[in-house]
Amino acid sequence: RSGSESFQLHMGPQGGLITSMVVAPEGNSLWLITGTSRGVVVLWDLRFGIIVQAWRHSEAVRIHRLYVSRYTRGTPLVYICAGMNEFCLWDISDGSCKQKFVTVPAGMDKEGSSDDQDE
């Protein structure tokens, strides 16, 4: 314990402000995932303080929440809540979106148009 900083993680301003973060939940994993106001998700290696991988949300919307799935073995999966009423399940080992869930307001179809038709 000292009055000085232990370490710093550096990411340029083009990625946006960090709005959410999650740390590896168990064992020897020393990684951190951050989400930003510009829809960038960054995987950090805390041993070396470096960016391992970075992805941008397809719509470049704010990342609201990150949650590491504790129900998978071997495959690191993260739930990412972003934009309006959306969350996705991402495999961070390869940066792929495995599932996407979106809530649609009552009276709207999935394309965003109203069910009511004026005749």
Foldseek 3Di string as FASTA:
>chain_A
DDPDDPDDADDDCVQAAWQEKDADDDDPQGWMWTWHQQQKIWIARRVVNYTPDIDGDPVRHGWHYKDWDPPDPPFTWIWTDTDAQKIFIAGVVVGDTPDIDHDDDPQADPVGDGPDDDD
